[in-house]
Each structure stands twice: as C-alpha cells, then as structure tokens.
Amino acid sequence: MLTYLRDNRPGLPFASHWDLPGGGREGHETSIDCARRELTEEFGLHLPPTRLTGHVFPSHAAVGMVSWLFTGQLTAAEIAAIRFGNEGQEWQMMKVADYLAHQRAIPHFCRWIAALP
C-alpha cells in the first residue's frame, strides 16, 4: 500500500502519522479526478480512472459529508518511477496489515481499510 509520513508541523492534523495519497477536491472536480490529480502531485503517478475503484465513507472531518477511498494496483515499474512531491517527510510501500497495526497510522483510515470487501 502506498503511504507517506505526514509533515511534522504544529497544528497539522495527524502530524508525523502515516497517511494515504489524497486531498480535497478542487472546483467541480469529480472524486476520481481528485484522486488522480493528487496521485500525480504527490507521487508523479498517472493512472487511468479504470485502474481505480472508489469506496465511499462518512467523512471524518465534516458531519453529513462523504469521503472517498480509492484502491488500485501499482506495477513494479510504477513504484520504481515514483517521484515524491513536496508534501510529507518520506514515502514507502507498506503491507496493509502493517499499516493497520502501526501506532502512527491514521485511525479513521484504518477503520475504512478494514471495512473494504
């Protein structure tokens, strides 16, 4: 699973926790377009929409809103081609079980991942 260690800035939610690629939608962007843009900005990855599957969850940050968690597979060549952006301290591929057990994994992401089919 593609993860990155969040920056350690005062006031940053979940500072120095292991995070997943993503972020907020811009303008009239669809959820899948947002996920693809964030993958490009954060990791230099360009995946077609057909390679991602969306799963909707109640938003952790905004009551009554939803958040999306997208899943997909990366090839070894894509992993080797990752170019880490300017957010975060480092990135790594992490086994799902290791993420779920990590003391600095983001708790609501753990719940969402554990609920995936």
PDB file of N, CA and C in Angstrom:
ATOM      1  N   MET A   1       0.849  -1.157   0.000  1.00  0.00           N
ATOM      2  CA  MET A   1       0.000   0.000   0.000  1.00  0.00           C
ATOM      3  C   MET A   1       0.907   1.236   0.000  1.00  0.00           C
ATOM      4  N   LEU A   2       0.584   2.202  -0.844  1.00  0.00           N
ATOM      5  CA  LEU A   2       1.366   3.427  -0.953  1.00  0.00           C
ATOM      6  C   LEU A   2       1.016   4.352   0.204  1.00  0.00           C
ATOM      7  N   THR A   3       2.019   4.703   1.014  1.00  0.00           N
ATOM      8  CA  THR A   3       1.826   5.571   2.177  1.00  0.00           C
ATOM      9  C   THR A   3       2.906   6.642   2.201  1.00  0.00           C
ATOM     10  N   TYR A   4       2.640   7.675   2.986  1.00  0.00           N
ATOM     11  CA  TYR A   4       3.689   8.670   3.213  1.00  0.00           C
ATOM     12  C   TYR A   4       3.576   9.206   4.630  1.00  0.00           C
ATOM     13  N   LEU A   5       4.702   9.617   5.177  1.00  0.00           N
ATOM     14  CA  LEU A   5       4.770  10.175   6.515  1.00  0.00           C
ATOM     15  C   LEU A   5       4.477  11.667   6.429  1.00  0.00           C
ATOM     16  N   ARG A   6       3.392  12.078   7.091  1.00  0.00           N
ATOM     17  CA  ARG A   6       2.991  13.483   7.044  1.00  0.00           C
ATOM     18  C   ARG A   6       4.071  14.381   7.662  1.00  0.00           C
ATOM     19  N   ASP A   7       4.053  15.632   7.249  1.00  0.00           N
ATOM     20  CA  ASP A   7       4.961  16.614   7.837  1.00  0.00           C
ATOM     21  C   ASP A   7       4.731  16.718   9.336  1.00  0.00           C
ATOM     22  N   ASN A   8       5.710  17.272  10.036  1.00  0.00           N
ATOM     23  CA  ASN A   8       5.629  17.458  11.482  1.00  0.00           C
ATOM     24  C   ASN A   8       5.550  18.949  11.778  1.00  0.00           C
ATOM     25  N   ARG A   9       4.398  19.548  11.403  1.00  0.00           N
ATOM     26  CA  ARG A   9       4.199  20.979  11.613  1.00  0.00           C
ATOM     27  C   ARG A   9       3.175  21.190  12.726  1.00  0.00           C
ATOM     28  N   PRO A  10       3.400  22.153  13.607  1.00  0.00           N
ATOM     29  CA  PRO A  10       2.407  22.454  14.644  1.00  0.00           C
ATOM     30  C   PRO A  10       1.053  22.777  14.019  1.00  0.00           C
ATOM     31  N   GLY A  11      -0.007  22.209  14.565  1.00  0.00           N
ATOM     32  CA  GLY A  11      -1.357  22.467  14.078  1.00  0.00           C
ATOM     33  C   GLY A  11      -1.796  21.581  12.928  1.00  0.00           C
ATOM     34  N   LEU A  12      -0.887  20.833  12.330  1.00  0.00           N
ATOM     35  CA  LEU A  12      -1.254  19.938  11.233  1.00  0.00           C
ATOM     36  C   LEU A  12      -1.956  18.715  11.808  1.00  0.00           C
ATOM     37  N   PRO A  13      -3.177  18.433  11.366  1.00  0.00           N
ATOM     38  CA  PRO A  13      -3.839  17.217  11.868  1.00  0.00           C
ATOM     39  C   PRO A  13      -3.007  15.974  11.531  1.00  0.00           C
ATOM     40  N   PHE A  14      -2.882  15.105  12.490  1.00  0.00           N
ATOM     41  CA  PHE A  14      -2.141  13.844  12.321  1.00  0.00           C
ATOM     42  C   PHE A  14      -0.692  14.075  11.868  1.00  0.00           C
ATOM     43  N   ALA A  15      -0.049  15.088  12.421  1.00  0.00           N
ATOM     44  CA  ALA A  15       1.357  15.352  12.100  1.00  0.00           C
ATOM     45  C   ALA A  15       2.200  14.115  12.406  1.00  0.00           C
ATOM     46  N   SER A  16       3.154  13.835  11.547  1.00  0.00           N
ATOM     47  CA  SER A  16       4.062  12.677  11.670  1.00  0.00           C
ATOM     48  C   SER A  16       3.327  11.344  11.781  1.00  0.00           C
ATOM     49  N   HIS A  17       2.177  11.249  11.124  1.00  0.00           N
ATOM     50  CA  HIS A  17       1.448   9.983  11.011  1.00  0.00           C
ATOM     51  C   HIS A  17       1.563   9.489   9.569  1.00  0.00           C
ATOM     52  N   TRP A  18       1.416   8.198   9.401  1.00  0.00           N
ATOM     53  CA  TRP A  18       1.443   7.606   8.064  1.00  0.00           C
ATOM     54  C   TRP A  18       0.093   7.833   7.408  1.00  0.00           C
ATOM     55  N   ASP A  19       0.116   8.447   6.264  1.00  0.00           N
ATOM     56  CA  ASP A  19      -1.072   8.885   5.548  1.00  0.00           C
ATOM     57  C   ASP A  19      -1.166   8.146   4.218  1.00  0.00           C
ATOM     58  N   LEU A  20      -2.285   8.335   3.553  1.00  0.00           N
ATOM     59  CA  LEU A  20      -2.520   7.786   2.220  1.00  0.00           C
ATOM     60  C   LEU A  20      -2.566   8.942   1.229  1.00  0.00           C
ATOM     61  N   PRO A  21      -2.263   8.692  -0.029  1.00  0.00           N
ATOM     62  CA  PRO A  21      -2.360   9.760  -1.022  1.00  0.00           C
ATOM     63  C   PRO A  21      -3.771  10.336  -1.036  1.00  0.00           C
ATOM     64  N   GLY A  22      -3.878  11.619  -1.261  1.00  0.00           N
ATOM     65  CA  GLY A  22      -5.214  12.200  -1.381  1.00  0.00           C
ATOM     66  C   GLY A  22      -5.249  13.650  -0.958  1.00  0.00           C
ATOM     67  N   GLY A  23      -6.464  14.177  -0.945  1.00  0.00           N
ATOM     68  CA  GLY A  23      -6.676  15.563  -0.567  1.00  0.00           C
ATOM     69  C   GLY A  23      -8.052  16.009  -0.992  1.00  0.00           C
ATOM     70  N   GLY A  24      -8.302  17.288  -0.843  1.00  0.00           N
ATOM     71  CA  GLY A  24      -9.616  17.839  -1.153  1.00  0.00           C
ATOM     72  C   GLY A  24      -9.818  18.115  -2.631  1.00  0.00           C
ATOM     73  N   ARG A  25     -11.101  18.023  -3.018  1.00  0.00           N
ATOM     74  CA  ARG A  25     -11.450  18.317  -4.409  1.00  0.00           C
ATOM     75  C   ARG A  25     -11.303  19.796  -4.696  1.00  0.00           C
ATOM     76  N   GLU A  26     -10.981  20.089  -5.936  1.00  0.00           N
ATOM     77  CA  GLU A  26     -10.837  21.476  -6.383  1.00  0.00           C
ATOM     78  C   GLU A  26     -11.919  21.780  -7.400  1.00  0.00           C
ATOM     79  N   GLY A  27     -12.616  22.894  -7.201  1.00  0.00           N
ATOM     80  CA  GLY A  27     -13.642  23.313  -8.152  1.00  0.00           C
ATOM     81  C   GLY A  27     -14.713  22.259  -8.344  1.00  0.00           C
ATOM     82  N   HIS A  28     -14.998  21.963  -9.599  1.00  0.00           N
ATOM     83  CA  HIS A  28     -16.041  20.988  -9.934  1.00  0.00           C
ATOM     84  C   HIS A  28     -15.461  19.609 -10.222  1.00  0.00           C
ATOM     85  N   GLU A  29     -14.293  19.350  -9.714  1.00  0.00           N
ATOM     86  CA  GLU A  29     -13.600  18.086  -9.906  1.00  0.00           C
ATOM     87  C   GLU A  29     -14.438  16.924  -9.357  1.00  0.00           C
ATOM     88  N   THR A  30     -14.444  15.800 -10.078  1.00  0.00           N
ATOM     89  CA  THR A  30     -15.083  14.602  -9.556  1.00  0.00           C
ATOM     90  C   THR A  30     -14.151  13.937  -8.551  1.00  0.00           C
ATOM     91  N   SER A  31     -14.678  13.017  -7.778  1.00  0.00           N
ATOM     92  CA  SER A  31     -13.862  12.308  -6.789  1.00  0.00           C
ATOM     93  C   SER A  31     -12.696  11.577  -7.449  1.00  0.00           C
ATOM     94  N   ILE A  32     -12.946  10.898  -8.551  1.00  0.00           N
ATOM     95  CA  ILE A  32     -11.888  10.143  -9.229  1.00  0.00           C
ATOM     96  C   ILE A  32     -10.849  11.093  -9.826  1.00  0.00           C
ATOM     97  N   ASP A  33     -11.299  12.222 -10.367  1.00  0.00           N
ATOM     98  CA  ASP A  33     -10.348  13.197 -10.914  1.00  0.00           C
ATOM     99  C   ASP A  33      -9.472  13.773  -9.806  1.00  0.00           C
ATOM    100  N   CYS A  34     -10.057  13.996  -8.639  1.00  0.00           N
ATOM    101  CA  CYS A  34      -9.293  14.482  -7.492  1.00  0.00           C
ATOM    102  C   CYS A  34      -8.234  13.454  -7.092  1.00  0.00           C
ATOM    103  N   ALA A  35      -8.632  12.200  -6.989  1.00  0.00           N
ATOM    104  CA  ALA A  35      -7.690  11.139  -6.603  1.00  0.00           C
ATOM    105  C   ALA A  35      -6.543  11.059  -7.602  1.00  0.00           C
ATOM    106  N   ARG A  36      -6.857  11.123  -8.882  1.00  0.00           N
ATOM    107  CA  ARG A  36      -5.821  11.041  -9.908  1.00  0.00           C
ATOM    108  C   ARG A  36      -4.892  12.253  -9.859  1.00  0.00           C
ATOM    109  N   ARG A  37      -5.449  13.447  -9.662  1.00  0.00           N
ATOM    110  CA  ARG A  37      -4.622  14.657  -9.559  1.00  0.00           C
ATOM    111  C   ARG A  37      -3.695  14.567  -8.352  1.00  0.00           C
ATOM    112  N   GLU A  38      -4.226  14.115  -7.218  1.00  0.00           N
ATOM    113  CA  GLU A  38      -3.403  14.010  -6.013  1.00  0.00           C
ATOM    114  C   GLU A  38      -2.284  12.980  -6.195  1.00  0.00           C
ATOM    115  N   LEU A  39      -2.564  11.866  -6.856  1.00  0.00           N
ATOM    116  CA  LEU A  39      -1.511  10.875  -7.138  1.00  0.00           C
ATOM    117  C   LEU A  39      -0.405  11.486  -7.987  1.00  0.00           C
ATOM    118  N   THR A  40      -0.792  12.310  -8.930  1.00  0.00           N
ATOM    119  CA  THR A  40       0.201  12.967  -9.786  1.00  0.00           C
ATOM    120  C   THR A  40       1.004  13.997  -8.992  1.00  0.00           C
ATOM    121  N   GLU A  41       0.315  14.841  -8.227  1.00  0.00           N
ATOM    122  CA  GLU A  41       1.006  15.883  -7.467  1.00  0.00           C
ATOM    123  C   GLU A  41       1.928  15.296  -6.398  1.00  0.00           C
ATOM    124  N   GLU A  42       1.458  14.284  -5.689  1.00  0.00           N
ATOM    125  CA  GLU A  42       2.196  13.765  -4.546  1.00  0.00           C
ATOM    126  C   GLU A  42       3.249  12.724  -4.905  1.00  0.00           C
ATOM    127  N   PHE A  43       3.018  11.972  -6.014  1.00  0.00           N
ATOM    128  CA  PHE A  43       3.910  10.854  -6.329  1.00  0.00           C
ATOM    129  C   PHE A  43       4.335  10.766  -7.787  1.00  0.00           C
ATOM    130  N   GLY A  44       3.851  11.676  -8.620  1.00  0.00           N
ATOM    131  CA  GLY A  44       4.212  11.634 -10.033  1.00  0.00           C
ATOM    132  C   GLY A  44       3.569  10.489 -10.795  1.00  0.00           C
ATOM    133  N   LEU A  45       2.514   9.912 -10.242  1.00  0.00           N
ATOM    134  CA  LEU A  45       1.840   8.776 -10.890  1.00  0.00           C
ATOM    135  C   LEU A  45       0.679   9.260 -11.751  1.00  0.00           C
ATOM    136  N   HIS A  46       0.515   8.631 -12.905  1.00  0.00           N
ATOM    137  CA  HIS A  46      -0.567   8.957 -13.833  1.00  0.00           C
ATOM    138  C   HIS A  46      -1.356   7.685 -14.111  1.00  0.00           C
ATOM    139  N   LEU A  47      -2.406   7.459 -13.333  1.00  0.00           N
ATOM    140  CA  LEU A  47      -3.211   6.250 -13.508  1.00  0.00           C
ATOM    141  C   LEU A  47      -4.528   6.591 -14.186  1.00  0.00           C
ATOM    142  N   PRO A  48      -4.967   5.755 -15.130  1.00  0.00           N
ATOM    143  CA  PRO A  48      -6.274   5.992 -15.748  1.00  0.00           C
ATOM    144  C   PRO A  48      -7.391   5.654 -14.759  1.00  0.00           C
ATOM    145  N   PRO A  49      -8.550   6.265 -14.915  1.00  0.00           N
ATOM    146  CA  PRO A  49      -9.657   6.008 -13.989  1.00  0.00           C
ATOM    147  C   PRO A  49     -10.040   4.534 -13.897  1.00  0.00           C
ATOM    148  N   THR A  50      -9.834   3.793 -14.966  1.00  0.00           N
ATOM    149  CA  THR A  50     -10.209   2.376 -14.969  1.00  0.00           C
ATOM    150  C   THR A  50      -9.364   1.537 -14.007  1.00  0.00           C
ATOM    151  N   ARG A  51      -8.260   2.077 -13.526  1.00  0.00           N
ATOM    152  CA  ARG A  51      -7.376   1.346 -12.612  1.00  0.00           C
ATOM    153  C   ARG A  51      -7.691   1.614 -11.145  1.00  0.00           C
ATOM    154  N   LEU A  52      -8.687   2.458 -10.881  1.00  0.00           N
ATOM    155  CA  LEU A  52      -9.033   2.815  -9.507  1.00  0.00           C
ATOM    156  C   LEU A  52     -10.490   2.461  -9.216  1.00  0.00           C
ATOM    157  N   THR A  53     -10.715   1.962  -8.018  1.00  0.00           N
ATOM    158  CA  THR A  53     -12.069   1.632  -7.569  1.00  0.00           C
ATOM    159  C   THR A  53     -12.375   2.467  -6.337  1.00  0.00           C
ATOM    160  N   GLY A  54     -13.493   3.185  -6.376  1.00  0.00           N
ATOM    161  CA  GLY A  54     -13.842   4.073  -5.274  1.00  0.00           C
ATOM    162  C   GLY A  54     -14.741   3.409  -4.250  1.00  0.00           C
ATOM    163  N   HIS A  55     -14.512   3.772  -3.001  1.00  0.00           N
ATOM    164  CA  HIS A  55     -15.309   3.303  -1.870  1.00  0.00           C
ATOM    165  C   HIS A  55     -15.679   4.542  -1.058  1.00  0.00           C
ATOM    166  N   VAL A  56     -16.947   4.710  -0.756  1.00  0.00           N
ATOM    167  CA  VAL A  56     -17.406   5.905  -0.059  1.00  0.00           C
ATOM    168  C   VAL A  56     -17.583   5.612   1.432  1.00  0.00           C
ATOM    169  N   PHE A  57     -17.197   6.608   2.259  1.00  0.00           N
ATOM    170  CA  PHE A  57     -17.293   6.503   3.713  1.00  0.00           C
ATOM    171  C   PHE A  57     -17.793   7.827   4.274  1.00  0.00           C
ATOM    172  N   PRO A  58     -18.438   7.798   5.448  1.00  0.00           N
ATOM    173  CA  PRO A  58     -18.790   9.068   6.087  1.00  0.00           C
ATOM    174  C   PRO A  58     -17.509   9.859   6.371  1.00  0.00           C
ATOM    175  N   SER A  59     -17.548  11.149   6.114  1.00  0.00           N
ATOM    176  CA  SER A  59     -16.377  11.991   6.302  1.00  0.00           C
ATOM    177  C   SER A  59     -15.969  12.037   7.769  1.00  0.00           C
ATOM    178  N   HIS A  60     -14.674  11.964   7.983  1.00  0.00           N
ATOM    179  CA  HIS A  60     -14.130  12.118   9.331  1.00  0.00           C
ATOM    180  C   HIS A  60     -14.134  13.579   9.756  1.00  0.00           C
ATOM    181  N   ALA A  61     -13.988  14.474   8.792  1.00  0.00           N
ATOM    182  CA  ALA A  61     -13.790  15.893   9.086  1.00  0.00           C
ATOM    183  C   ALA A  61     -15.062  16.728   9.038  1.00  0.00           C
ATOM    184  N   ALA A  62     -16.081  16.291   8.291  1.00  0.00           N
ATOM    185  CA  ALA A  62     -17.276  17.117   8.101  1.00  0.00           C
ATOM    186  C   ALA A  62     -18.537  16.258   8.225  1.00  0.00           C
ATOM    187  N   VAL A  63     -19.280  16.486   9.290  1.00  0.00           N
ATOM    188  CA  VAL A  63     -20.512  15.737   9.528  1.00  0.00           C
ATOM    189  C   VAL A  63     -21.476  15.927   8.358  1.00  0.00           C
ATOM    190  N   GLY A  64     -22.052  14.830   7.896  1.00  0.00           N
ATOM    191  CA  GLY A  64     -23.004  14.873   6.798  1.00  0.00           C
ATOM    192  C   GLY A  64     -22.369  14.802   5.422  1.00  0.00           C
ATOM    193  N   MET A  65     -21.056  14.848   5.343  1.00  0.00           N
ATOM    194  CA  MET A  65     -20.352  14.763   4.063  1.00  0.00           C
ATOM    195  C   MET A  65     -19.783  13.351   3.902  1.00  0.00           C
ATOM    196  N   VAL A  66     -19.279  13.068   2.725  1.00  0.00           N
ATOM    197  CA  VAL A  66     -18.647  11.774   2.475  1.00  0.00           C
ATOM    198  C   VAL A  66     -17.212  11.974   2.024  1.00  0.00           C
ATOM    199  N   SER A  67     -16.436  10.941   2.220  1.00  0.00           N
ATOM    200  CA  SER A  67     -15.058  10.881   1.727  1.00  0.00           C
ATOM    201  C   SER A  67     -14.926   9.631   0.885  1.00  0.00           C
ATOM    202  N   TRP A  68     -13.977   9.657  -0.016  1.00  0.00           N
ATOM    203  CA  TRP A  68     -13.737   8.528  -0.904  1.00  0.00           C
ATOM    204  C   TRP A  68     -12.376   7.932  -0.613  1.00  0.00           C
ATOM    205  N   LEU A  69     -12.318   6.621  -0.634  1.00  0.00           N
ATOM    206  CA  LEU A  69     -11.056   5.885  -0.556  1.00  0.00           C
ATOM    207  C   LEU A  69     -10.961   5.081  -1.844  1.00  0.00           C
ATOM    208  N   PHE A  70      -9.931   5.345  -2.631  1.00  0.00           N
ATOM    209  CA  PHE A  70      -9.748   4.640  -3.889  1.00  0.00           C
ATOM    210  C   PHE A  70      -8.675   3.573  -3.729  1.00  0.00           C
ATOM    211  N   THR A  71      -8.930   2.430  -4.330  1.00  0.00           N
ATOM    212  CA  THR A  71      -7.966   1.336  -4.323  1.00  0.00           C
ATOM    213  C   THR A  71      -7.585   0.998  -5.749  1.00  0.00           C
ATOM    214  N   GLY A  72      -6.414   0.423  -5.890  1.00  0.00           N
ATOM    215  CA  GLY A  72      -5.917   0.005  -7.194  1.00  0.00           C
ATOM    216  C   GLY A  72      -4.595  -0.709  -7.012  1.00  0.00           C
ATOM    217  N   GLN A  73      -4.028  -1.158  -8.100  1.00  0.00           N
ATOM    218  CA  GLN A  73      -2.757  -1.876  -8.071  1.00  0.00           C
ATOM    219  C   GLN A  73      -1.704  -1.070  -8.822  1.00  0.00           C
ATOM    220  N   LEU A  74      -0.501  -1.040  -8.260  1.00  0.00           N
ATOM    221  CA  LEU A  74       0.635  -0.420  -8.932  1.00  0.00           C
ATOM    222  C   LEU A  74       1.576  -1.513  -9.424  1.00  0.00           C
ATOM    223  N   THR A  75       2.153  -1.288 -10.576  1.00  0.00           N
ATOM    224  CA  THR A  75       3.147  -2.218 -11.088  1.00  0.00           C
ATOM    225  C   THR A  75       4.502  -1.904 -10.456  1.00  0.00           C
ATOM    226  N   ALA A  76       5.425  -2.841 -10.543  1.00  0.00           N
ATOM    227  CA  ALA A  76       6.781  -2.609 -10.035  1.00  0.00           C
ATOM    228  C   ALA A  76       7.420  -1.422 -10.745  1.00  0.00           C
ATOM    229  N   ALA A  77       7.164  -1.288 -12.043  1.00  0.00           N
ATOM    230  CA  ALA A  77       7.728  -0.163 -12.801  1.00  0.00           C
ATOM    231  C   ALA A  77       7.154   1.165 -12.320  1.00  0.00           C
ATOM    232  N   GLU A  78       5.868   1.198 -12.001  1.00  0.00           N
ATOM    233  CA  GLU A  78       5.257   2.431 -11.496  1.00  0.00           C
ATOM    234  C   GLU A  78       5.831   2.799 -10.130  1.00  0.00           C
ATOM    235  N   ILE A  79       6.021   1.799  -9.279  1.00  0.00           N
ATOM    236  CA  ILE A  79       6.603   2.061  -7.960  1.00  0.00           C
ATOM    237  C   ILE A  79       8.022   2.615  -8.126  1.00  0.00           C
ATOM    238  N   ALA A  80       8.794   2.020  -9.028  1.00  0.00           N
ATOM    239  CA  ALA A  80      10.165   2.483  -9.269  1.00  0.00           C
ATOM    240  C   ALA A  80      10.192   3.905  -9.831  1.00  0.00           C
ATOM    241  N   ALA A  81       9.129   4.316 -10.512  1.00  0.00           N
ATOM    242  CA  ALA A  81       9.084   5.633 -11.147  1.00  0.00           C
ATOM    243  C   ALA A  81       8.523   6.721 -10.232  1.00  0.00           C
ATOM    244  N   ILE A  82       8.135   6.388  -9.005  1.00  0.00           N
ATOM    245  CA  ILE A  82       7.554   7.375  -8.096  1.00  0.00           C
ATOM    246  C   ILE A  82       8.539   8.518  -7.875  1.00  0.00           C
ATOM    247  N   ARG A  83       7.999   9.726  -7.956  1.00  0.00           N
ATOM    248  CA  ARG A  83       8.756  10.941  -7.679  1.00  0.00           C
ATOM    249  C   ARG A  83       7.994  11.687  -6.594  1.00  0.00           C
ATOM    250  N   PHE A  84       8.503  11.599  -5.375  1.00  0.00           N
ATOM    251  CA  PHE A  84       7.832  12.154  -4.210  1.00  0.00           C
ATOM    252  C   PHE A  84       7.749  13.671  -4.323  1.00  0.00           C
ATOM    253  N   GLY A  85       6.561  14.208  -4.075  1.00  0.00           N
ATOM    254  CA  GLY A  85       6.334  15.647  -4.167  1.00  0.00           C
ATOM    255  C   GLY A  85       6.851  16.391  -2.942  1.00  0.00           C
ATOM    256  N   ASN A  86       6.285  17.569  -2.689  1.00  0.00           N
ATOM    257  CA  ASN A  86       6.796  18.414  -1.612  1.00  0.00           C
ATOM    258  C   ASN A  86       5.976  18.340  -0.327  1.00  0.00           C
ATOM    259  N   GLU A  87       5.027  17.403  -0.239  1.00  0.00           N
ATOM    260  CA  GLU A  87       4.273  17.199   0.997  1.00  0.00           C
ATOM    261  C   GLU A  87       4.782  15.938   1.666  1.00  0.00           C
ATOM    262  N   GLY A  88       5.028  16.012   2.953  1.00  0.00           N
ATOM    263  CA  GLY A  88       5.440  14.827   3.687  1.00  0.00           C
ATOM    264  C   GLY A  88       6.943  14.698   3.815  1.00  0.00           C
ATOM    265  N   GLN A  89       7.338  13.769   4.703  1.00  0.00           N
ATOM    266  CA  GLN A  89       8.743  13.562   5.008  1.00  0.00           C
ATOM    267  C   GLN A  89       9.370  12.451   4.178  1.00  0.00           C
ATOM    268  N   GLU A  90       8.600  11.413   3.917  1.00  0.00           N
ATOM    269  CA  GLU A  90       9.084  10.266   3.135  1.00  0.00           C
ATOM    270  C   GLU A  90       7.882   9.428   2.726  1.00  0.00           C
ATOM    271  N   TRP A  91       8.122   8.501   1.812  1.00  0.00           N
ATOM    272  CA  TRP A  91       7.062   7.593   1.395  1.00  0.00           C
ATOM    273  C   TRP A  91       7.580   6.171   1.486  1.00  0.00           C
ATOM    274  N   GLN A  92       6.642   5.225   1.529  1.00  0.00           N
ATOM    275  CA  GLN A  92       7.020   3.821   1.444  1.00  0.00           C
ATOM    276  C   GLN A  92       5.815   2.975   1.074  1.00  0.00           C
ATOM    277  N   MET A  93       6.113   1.850   0.461  1.00  0.00           N
ATOM    278  CA  MET A  93       5.089   0.840   0.238  1.00  0.00           C
ATOM    279  C   MET A  93       5.003   0.049   1.550  1.00  0.00           C
ATOM    280  N   MET A  94       3.791  -0.105   2.061  1.00  0.00           N
ATOM    281  CA  MET A  94       3.598  -0.751   3.354  1.00  0.00           C
ATOM    282  C   MET A  94       2.529  -1.834   3.213  1.00  0.00           C
ATOM    283  N   LYS A  95       2.774  -2.984   3.798  1.00  0.00           N
ATOM    284  CA  LYS A  95       1.759  -4.037   3.805  1.00  0.00           C
ATOM    285  C   LYS A  95       0.534  -3.523   4.551  1.00  0.00           C
ATOM    286  N   VAL A  96      -0.643  -3.896   4.060  1.00  0.00           N
ATOM    287  CA  VAL A  96      -1.885  -3.444   4.677  1.00  0.00           C
ATOM    288  C   VAL A  96      -1.897  -3.793   6.167  1.00  0.00           C
ATOM    289  N   ALA A  97      -1.541  -5.013   6.510  1.00  0.00           N
ATOM    290  CA  ALA A  97      -1.542  -5.438   7.916  1.00  0.00           C
ATOM    291  C   ALA A  97      -0.588  -4.585   8.751  1.00  0.00           C
ATOM    292  N   ASP A  98       0.546  -4.210   8.175  1.00  0.00           N
ATOM    293  CA  ASP A  98       1.496  -3.361   8.898  1.00  0.00           C
ATOM    294  C   ASP A  98       0.918  -1.967   9.132  1.00  0.00           C
ATOM    295  N   TYR A  99       0.223  -1.441   8.124  1.00  0.00           N
ATOM    296  CA  TYR A  99      -0.408  -0.132   8.300  1.00  0.00           C
ATOM    297  C   TYR A  99      -1.462  -0.203   9.399  1.00  0.00           C
ATOM    298  N   LEU A 100      -2.321  -1.204   9.335  1.00  0.00           N
ATOM    299  CA  LEU A 100      -3.409  -1.319  10.306  1.00  0.00           C
ATOM    300  C   LEU A 100      -2.890  -1.458  11.733  1.00  0.00           C
ATOM    301  N   ALA A 101      -1.709  -2.022  11.900  1.00  0.00           N
ATOM    302  CA  ALA A 101      -1.127  -2.222  13.232  1.00  0.00           C
ATOM    303  C   ALA A 101      -0.203  -1.087  13.664  1.00  0.00           C
ATOM    304  N   HIS A 102       0.097  -0.168  12.763  1.00  0.00           N
ATOM    305  CA  HIS A 102       1.083   0.876  13.049  1.00  0.00           C
ATOM    306  C   HIS A 102       0.527   1.880  14.065  1.00  0.00           C
ATOM    307  N   GLN A 103       1.337   2.244  15.032  1.00  0.00           N
ATOM    308  CA  GLN A 103       0.925   3.203  16.061  1.00  0.00           C
ATOM    309  C   GLN A 103       0.664   4.596  15.499  1.00  0.00           C
ATOM    310  N   ARG A 104       1.268   4.898  14.359  1.00  0.00           N
ATOM    311  CA  ARG A 104       1.078   6.220  13.770  1.00  0.00           C
ATOM    312  C   ARG A 104       0.304   6.165  12.455  1.00  0.00           C
ATOM    313  N   ALA A 105      -0.541   5.153  12.292  1.00  0.00           N
ATOM    314  CA  ALA A 105      -1.472   5.129  11.160  1.00  0.00           C
ATOM    315  C   ALA A 105      -2.662   6.023  11.522  1.00  0.00           C
ATOM    316  N   ILE A 106      -3.276   6.625  10.541  1.00  0.00           N
ATOM    317  CA  ILE A 106      -4.426   7.497  10.798  1.00  0.00           C
ATOM    318  C   ILE A 106      -5.632   6.617  11.118  1.00  0.00           C
ATOM    319  N   PRO A 107      -6.204   6.786  12.320  1.00  0.00           N
ATOM    320  CA  PRO A 107      -7.230   5.853  12.809  1.00  0.00           C
ATOM    321  C   PRO A 107      -8.436   5.666  11.891  1.00  0.00           C
ATOM    322  N   HIS A 108      -8.981   6.741  11.346  1.00  0.00           N
ATOM    323  CA  HIS A 108     -10.173   6.550  10.510  1.00  0.00           C
ATOM    324  C   HIS A 108      -9.822   5.842   9.205  1.00  0.00           C
ATOM    325  N   PHE A 109      -8.606   5.998   8.701  1.00  0.00           N
ATOM    326  CA  PHE A 109      -8.210   5.233   7.520  1.00  0.00           C
ATOM    327  C   PHE A 109      -8.122   3.751   7.861  1.00  0.00           C
ATOM    328  N   CYS A 110      -7.652   3.431   9.039  1.00  0.00           N
ATOM    329  CA  CYS A 110      -7.599   2.024   9.458  1.00  0.00           C
ATOM    330  C   CYS A 110      -9.001   1.417   9.464  1.00  0.00           C
ATOM    331  N   ARG A 111      -9.959   2.158   9.989  1.00  0.00           N
ATOM    332  CA  ARG A 111     -11.339   1.658  10.013  1.00  0.00           C
ATOM    333  C   ARG A 111     -11.871   1.451   8.598  1.00  0.00           C
ATOM    334  N   TRP A 112     -11.593   2.411   7.729  1.00  0.00           N
ATOM    335  CA  TRP A 112     -12.078   2.315   6.346  1.00  0.00           C
ATOM    336  C   TRP A 112     -11.433   1.130   5.631  1.00  0.00           C
ATOM    337  N   ILE A 113     -10.141   0.988   5.765  1.00  0.00           N
ATOM    338  CA  ILE A 113      -9.423  -0.119   5.105  1.00  0.00           C
ATOM    339  C   ILE A 113      -9.935  -1.451   5.601  1.00  0.00           C
ATOM    340  N   ALA A 114     -10.130  -1.569   6.915  1.00  0.00           N
ATOM    341  CA  ALA A 114     -10.611  -2.825   7.494  1.00  0.00           C
ATOM    342  C   ALA A 114     -12.024  -3.154   7.002  1.00  0.00           C
ATOM    343  N   ALA A 115     -12.796  -2.158   6.611  1.00  0.00           N
ATOM    344  CA  ALA A 115     -14.169  -2.376   6.145  1.00  0.00           C
ATOM    345  C   ALA A 115     -14.257  -2.716   4.657  1.00  0.00           C
ATOM    346  N   LEU A 116     -13.147  -2.626   3.928  1.00  0.00           N
ATOM    347  CA  LEU A 116     -13.184  -2.904   2.490  1.00  0.00           C
ATOM    348  C   LEU A 116     -13.518  -4.368   2.233  1.00  0.00           C
ATOM    349  N   PRO A 117     -14.243  -4.617   1.150  1.00  0.00           N
ATOM    350  CA  PRO A 117     -14.574  -6.019   0.809  1.00  0.00           C
ATOM    351  C   PRO A 117     -13.335  -6.806   0.378  1.00  0.00           C
TER     352      PRO A 117
END
